[in-house]
Amino acid sequence: MAYRVLAALGLAACSAVALHMLLPARWRLRVDAGLRRLAARSQTLFGRALAWRREQRRARAASLEADRVIRRAREAALRDEGRARGEWRGNVYHSDDFDKPRKPH
């Protein structure tokens, strides 16, 4: 089965090359330019697809890393071993050390 498919592909390629050689020079140039444009477009589309996948993977990894860092910071703040006391307001930690009265000089 695979040999027949390969043989058919080889026959099609040889037929296309023979037909290309039989074309007048003007038509041959037009066909070559069209094939070049088709190859450039397909290469651009393939590159965009790869870049999109790479960007999706990078964004997912960055999101997971940010979640991990936030979780680690919150856990460290809750352990409170030797750390200044304070409270979370949204995603900002406000320490109670700043609420102390100022010392005059």
N, C-alpha and C. Protein backbone atom coordinates (compact mmCIF):
# COMPACT_ATOMS: atom_id res chain seq x y z
N MET A 1 0.82 -1.19 0.00
CA MET A 1 0.00 0.00 0.00
C MET A 1 0.87 1.26 0.00
N ALA A 2 1.87 1.30 0.90
CA ALA A 2 2.73 2.48 0.99
C ALA A 2 3.57 2.64 -0.28
N TYR A 3 3.97 1.50 -0.89
CA TYR A 3 4.76 1.59 -2.11
C TYR A 3 3.95 2.20 -3.25
N ARG A 4 2.68 1.87 -3.30
CA ARG A 4 1.83 2.43 -4.35
C ARG A 4 1.65 3.94 -4.16
N VAL A 5 1.50 4.34 -2.92
CA VAL A 5 1.35 5.78 -2.65
C VAL A 5 2.62 6.52 -3.03
N LEU A 6 3.78 5.97 -2.64
CA LEU A 6 5.05 6.60 -3.00
C LEU A 6 5.26 6.62 -4.50
N ALA A 7 4.88 5.54 -5.18
CA ALA A 7 5.01 5.50 -6.64
C ALA A 7 4.10 6.54 -7.29
N ALA A 8 2.89 6.69 -6.77
CA ALA A 8 1.97 7.69 -7.33
C ALA A 8 2.49 9.10 -7.10
N LEU A 9 3.07 9.35 -5.92
CA LEU A 9 3.65 10.67 -5.65
C LEU A 9 4.84 10.95 -6.57
N GLY A 10 5.67 9.95 -6.80
CA GLY A 10 6.80 10.10 -7.71
C GLY A 10 6.35 10.37 -9.13
N LEU A 11 5.33 9.65 -9.58
CA LEU A 11 4.79 9.86 -10.92
C LEU A 11 4.20 11.26 -11.06
N ALA A 12 3.50 11.72 -10.02
CA ALA A 12 2.91 13.06 -10.06
C ALA A 12 4.01 14.13 -10.10
N ALA A 13 5.07 13.94 -9.34
CA ALA A 13 6.17 14.91 -9.33
C ALA A 13 6.86 14.96 -10.69
N CYS A 14 7.13 13.80 -11.27
CA CYS A 14 7.78 13.76 -12.59
C CYS A 14 6.88 14.37 -13.66
N SER A 15 5.59 14.10 -13.58
CA SER A 15 4.65 14.68 -14.55
C SER A 15 4.60 16.19 -14.41
N ALA A 16 4.62 16.70 -13.18
CA ALA A 16 4.59 18.14 -12.96
C ALA A 16 5.84 18.80 -13.51
N VAL A 17 6.99 18.18 -13.31
CA VAL A 17 8.24 18.75 -13.82
C VAL A 17 8.25 18.72 -15.34
N ALA A 18 7.78 17.62 -15.94
CA ALA A 18 7.73 17.53 -17.41
C ALA A 18 6.78 18.58 -17.98
N LEU A 19 5.63 18.76 -17.35
CA LEU A 19 4.68 19.76 -17.81
C LEU A 19 5.28 21.16 -17.67
N HIS A 20 6.00 21.39 -16.60
CA HIS A 20 6.64 22.69 -16.37
C HIS A 20 7.67 22.98 -17.47
N MET A 21 8.41 21.96 -17.88
CA MET A 21 9.41 22.17 -18.93
C MET A 21 8.76 22.43 -20.29
N LEU A 22 7.53 21.94 -20.50
CA LEU A 22 6.85 22.14 -21.77
C LEU A 22 6.20 23.52 -21.88
N LEU A 23 6.02 24.21 -20.75
CA LEU A 23 5.37 25.51 -20.76
C LEU A 23 6.25 26.55 -21.46
N PRO A 24 5.63 27.55 -22.09
CA PRO A 24 6.42 28.65 -22.64
C PRO A 24 7.11 29.42 -21.50
N ALA A 25 8.16 30.13 -21.82
CA ALA A 25 8.98 30.80 -20.81
C ALA A 25 8.16 31.78 -19.97
N ARG A 26 7.25 32.50 -20.61
CA ARG A 26 6.44 33.49 -19.90
C ARG A 26 5.54 32.81 -18.87
N TRP A 27 4.90 31.74 -19.26
CA TRP A 27 4.02 31.01 -18.34
C TRP A 27 4.83 30.37 -17.22
N ARG A 28 6.02 29.87 -17.59
CA ARG A 28 6.88 29.23 -16.59
C ARG A 28 7.26 30.23 -15.50
N LEU A 29 7.59 31.46 -15.90
CA LEU A 29 7.93 32.49 -14.92
C LEU A 29 6.73 32.80 -14.02
N ARG A 30 5.54 32.85 -14.62
CA ARG A 30 4.33 33.13 -13.84
C ARG A 30 4.05 32.01 -12.85
N VAL A 31 4.20 30.76 -13.29
CA VAL A 31 3.98 29.61 -12.40
C VAL A 31 5.00 29.61 -11.27
N ASP A 32 6.26 29.89 -11.62
CA ASP A 32 7.31 29.92 -10.59
C ASP A 32 7.04 31.02 -9.55
N ALA A 33 6.60 32.19 -10.01
CA ALA A 33 6.29 33.28 -9.08
C ALA A 33 5.12 32.90 -8.18
N GLY A 34 4.11 32.26 -8.74
CA GLY A 34 2.96 31.83 -7.94
C GLY A 34 3.36 30.80 -6.90
N LEU A 35 4.23 29.86 -7.29
CA LEU A 35 4.69 28.85 -6.33
C LEU A 35 5.54 29.48 -5.23
N ARG A 36 6.35 30.49 -5.59
CA ARG A 36 7.14 31.17 -4.57
C ARG A 36 6.24 31.90 -3.57
N ARG A 37 5.18 32.58 -4.09
CA ARG A 37 4.24 33.26 -3.20
C ARG A 37 3.54 32.26 -2.29
N LEU A 38 3.12 31.13 -2.86
CA LEU A 38 2.45 30.11 -2.07
C LEU A 38 3.38 29.57 -0.97
N ALA A 39 4.64 29.34 -1.32
CA ALA A 39 5.60 28.85 -0.33
C ALA A 39 5.84 29.89 0.77
N ALA A 40 5.94 31.16 0.38
CA ALA A 40 6.17 32.22 1.38
C ALA A 40 4.98 32.35 2.32
N ARG A 41 3.77 32.30 1.77
CA ARG A 41 2.57 32.39 2.62
C ARG A 41 2.48 31.22 3.58
N SER A 42 2.72 30.02 3.05
CA SER A 42 2.62 28.84 3.93
C SER A 42 3.69 28.89 5.02
N GLN A 43 4.88 29.36 4.67
CA GLN A 43 5.95 29.48 5.67
C GLN A 43 5.57 30.51 6.73
N THR A 44 4.97 31.62 6.32
CA THR A 44 4.54 32.65 7.26
C THR A 44 3.46 32.12 8.19
N LEU A 45 2.47 31.42 7.62
CA LEU A 45 1.40 30.87 8.44
C LEU A 45 1.93 29.83 9.42
N PHE A 46 2.84 28.99 8.96
CA PHE A 46 3.42 27.97 9.83
C PHE A 46 4.21 28.63 10.96
N GLY A 47 4.97 29.67 10.63
CA GLY A 47 5.73 30.40 11.66
C GLY A 47 4.83 31.07 12.67
N ARG A 48 3.71 31.64 12.20
CA ARG A 48 2.77 32.26 13.12
C ARG A 48 2.14 31.23 14.05
N ALA A 49 1.81 30.07 13.50
CA ALA A 49 1.22 29.02 14.34
C ALA A 49 2.20 28.58 15.42
N LEU A 50 3.46 28.41 15.05
CA LEU A 50 4.47 28.02 16.04
C LEU A 50 4.67 29.11 17.08
N ALA A 51 4.70 30.37 16.64
CA ALA A 51 4.88 31.48 17.58
C ALA A 51 3.69 31.58 18.52
N TRP A 52 2.48 31.33 18.02
CA TRP A 52 1.28 31.39 18.86
C TRP A 52 1.35 30.31 19.94
N ARG A 53 1.74 29.09 19.55
CA ARG A 53 1.84 28.01 20.52
C ARG A 53 2.92 28.33 21.57
N ARG A 54 4.03 28.87 21.11
CA ARG A 54 5.12 29.22 22.02
C ARG A 54 4.66 30.30 23.00
N GLU A 55 3.91 31.29 22.51
CA GLU A 55 3.41 32.37 23.37
C GLU A 55 2.40 31.83 24.38
N GLN A 56 1.54 30.92 23.96
CA GLN A 56 0.57 30.32 24.88
C GLN A 56 1.30 29.56 25.99
N ARG A 57 2.30 28.80 25.61
CA ARG A 57 3.07 28.02 26.58
C ARG A 57 3.80 28.94 27.56
N ARG A 58 4.39 30.04 27.04
CA ARG A 58 5.11 30.98 27.89
C ARG A 58 4.16 31.69 28.85
N ALA A 59 3.00 32.08 28.36
CA ALA A 59 2.02 32.77 29.22
C ALA A 59 1.51 31.84 30.31
N ARG A 60 1.28 30.58 29.97
CA ARG A 60 0.81 29.61 30.97
C ARG A 60 1.88 29.39 32.03
N ALA A 61 3.13 29.27 31.61
CA ALA A 61 4.22 29.08 32.57
C ALA A 61 4.39 30.30 33.47
N ALA A 62 4.26 31.50 32.89
CA ALA A 62 4.39 32.73 33.69
C ALA A 62 3.25 32.84 34.70
N SER A 63 2.06 32.46 34.29
CA SER A 63 0.91 32.52 35.20
C SER A 63 1.09 31.55 36.37
N LEU A 64 1.53 30.34 36.07
CA LEU A 64 1.76 29.35 37.13
C LEU A 64 2.86 29.81 38.08
N GLU A 65 3.92 30.40 37.53
CA GLU A 65 5.02 30.88 38.37
C GLU A 65 4.55 32.04 39.25
N ALA A 66 3.75 32.95 38.71
CA ALA A 66 3.23 34.07 39.51
C ALA A 66 2.33 33.56 40.63
N ASP A 67 1.47 32.59 40.33
CA ASP A 67 0.61 32.02 41.37
C ASP A 67 1.45 31.37 42.48
N ARG A 68 2.51 30.67 42.07
CA ARG A 68 3.36 30.00 43.05
C ARG A 68 4.07 31.02 43.94
N VAL A 69 4.56 32.10 43.36
CA VAL A 69 5.27 33.14 44.13
C VAL A 69 4.30 33.84 45.08
N ILE A 70 3.10 34.15 44.62
CA ILE A 70 2.11 34.80 45.49
C ILE A 70 1.74 33.90 46.65
N ARG A 71 1.52 32.62 46.37
CA ARG A 71 1.16 31.68 47.43
C ARG A 71 2.29 31.57 48.45
N ARG A 72 3.53 31.51 47.97
CA ARG A 72 4.68 31.41 48.87
C ARG A 72 4.81 32.66 49.74
N ALA A 73 4.57 33.84 49.17
CA ALA A 73 4.66 35.08 49.94
C ALA A 73 3.57 35.15 51.00
N ARG A 74 2.38 34.74 50.64
CA ARG A 74 1.28 34.78 51.62
C ARG A 74 1.52 33.78 52.75
N GLU A 75 2.02 32.59 52.41
CA GLU A 75 2.31 31.61 53.45
C GLU A 75 3.41 32.11 54.37
N ALA A 76 4.41 32.76 53.81
CA ALA A 76 5.50 33.30 54.64
C ALA A 76 4.98 34.41 55.54
N ALA A 77 4.04 35.21 55.05
CA ALA A 77 3.48 36.29 55.88
C ALA A 77 2.61 35.72 56.99
N LEU A 78 1.95 34.60 56.73
CA LEU A 78 1.09 34.01 57.75
C LEU A 78 1.90 33.30 58.84
N ARG A 79 3.08 32.79 58.49
CA ARG A 79 3.93 32.13 59.49
C ARG A 79 4.37 33.12 60.56
N ASP A 80 4.70 34.31 60.13
CA ASP A 80 4.92 35.43 61.04
C ASP A 80 6.04 35.20 62.04
N GLU A 81 7.05 34.44 61.71
CA GLU A 81 8.14 34.16 62.65
C GLU A 81 9.17 35.29 62.57
N GLY A 82 9.16 36.17 63.56
CA GLY A 82 10.13 37.25 63.60
C GLY A 82 9.85 38.35 62.60
N ARG A 83 8.70 38.34 62.02
CA ARG A 83 8.36 39.35 61.03
C ARG A 83 7.49 40.42 61.68
N ALA A 84 7.44 41.54 61.07
CA ALA A 84 6.59 42.62 61.57
C ALA A 84 5.13 42.23 61.39
N ARG A 85 4.34 42.64 62.36
CA ARG A 85 2.90 42.35 62.27
C ARG A 85 2.25 43.34 61.31
N GLY A 86 1.17 42.90 60.73
CA GLY A 86 0.46 43.77 59.80
C GLY A 86 -0.76 43.06 59.24
N GLU A 87 -1.29 43.61 58.17
CA GLU A 87 -2.49 43.02 57.57
C GLU A 87 -2.41 43.17 56.05
N TRP A 88 -3.17 42.31 55.39
CA TRP A 88 -3.27 42.37 53.93
C TRP A 88 -4.46 43.25 53.57
N ARG A 89 -4.26 44.21 52.69
CA ARG A 89 -5.34 45.01 52.12
C ARG A 89 -5.27 44.81 50.61
N GLY A 90 -6.13 43.90 50.14
CA GLY A 90 -6.03 43.52 48.74
C GLY A 90 -4.79 42.67 48.55
N ASN A 91 -3.90 43.08 47.67
CA ASN A 91 -2.67 42.33 47.49
C ASN A 91 -1.46 43.08 48.05
N VAL A 92 -1.70 44.03 48.96
CA VAL A 92 -0.62 44.82 49.57
C VAL A 92 -0.58 44.53 51.06
N TYR A 93 0.61 44.25 51.58
CA TYR A 93 0.80 43.96 53.00
C TYR A 93 1.20 45.25 53.70
N HIS A 94 0.40 45.69 54.68
CA HIS A 94 0.66 46.91 55.45
C HIS A 94 1.16 46.50 56.83
N SER A 95 2.40 46.86 57.11
CA SER A 95 3.01 46.51 58.38
C SER A 95 2.56 47.46 59.48
N ASP A 96 2.43 46.93 60.70
CA ASP A 96 2.06 47.76 61.85
C ASP A 96 3.23 48.63 62.31
N ASP A 97 4.43 48.35 61.85
CA ASP A 97 5.60 49.15 62.23
C ASP A 97 5.46 50.60 61.79
N PHE A 98 4.71 50.84 60.74
CA PHE A 98 4.56 52.20 60.24
C PHE A 98 3.55 53.00 61.05
N ASP A 99 2.78 52.33 61.91
CA ASP A 99 1.77 53.02 62.71
C ASP A 99 2.35 53.59 64.02
N LYS A 100 3.61 53.31 64.32
CA LYS A 100 4.22 53.80 65.56
C LYS A 100 4.40 55.32 65.49
N PRO A 101 4.35 56.00 66.66
CA PRO A 101 4.55 57.46 66.65
C PRO A 101 5.99 57.79 66.27
N ARG A 102 6.17 58.93 65.66
CA ARG A 102 7.50 59.35 65.24
C ARG A 102 8.29 59.85 66.44
N LYS A 103 9.58 59.66 66.39
CA LYS A 103 10.47 60.12 67.46
C LYS A 103 11.00 61.50 67.08
N PRO A 104 10.77 62.51 67.92
CA PRO A 104 11.32 63.84 67.59
C PRO A 104 12.83 63.85 67.79
N HIS A 105 13.51 64.65 67.05
CA HIS A 105 14.97 64.73 67.16
C HIS A 105 15.39 65.72 68.18
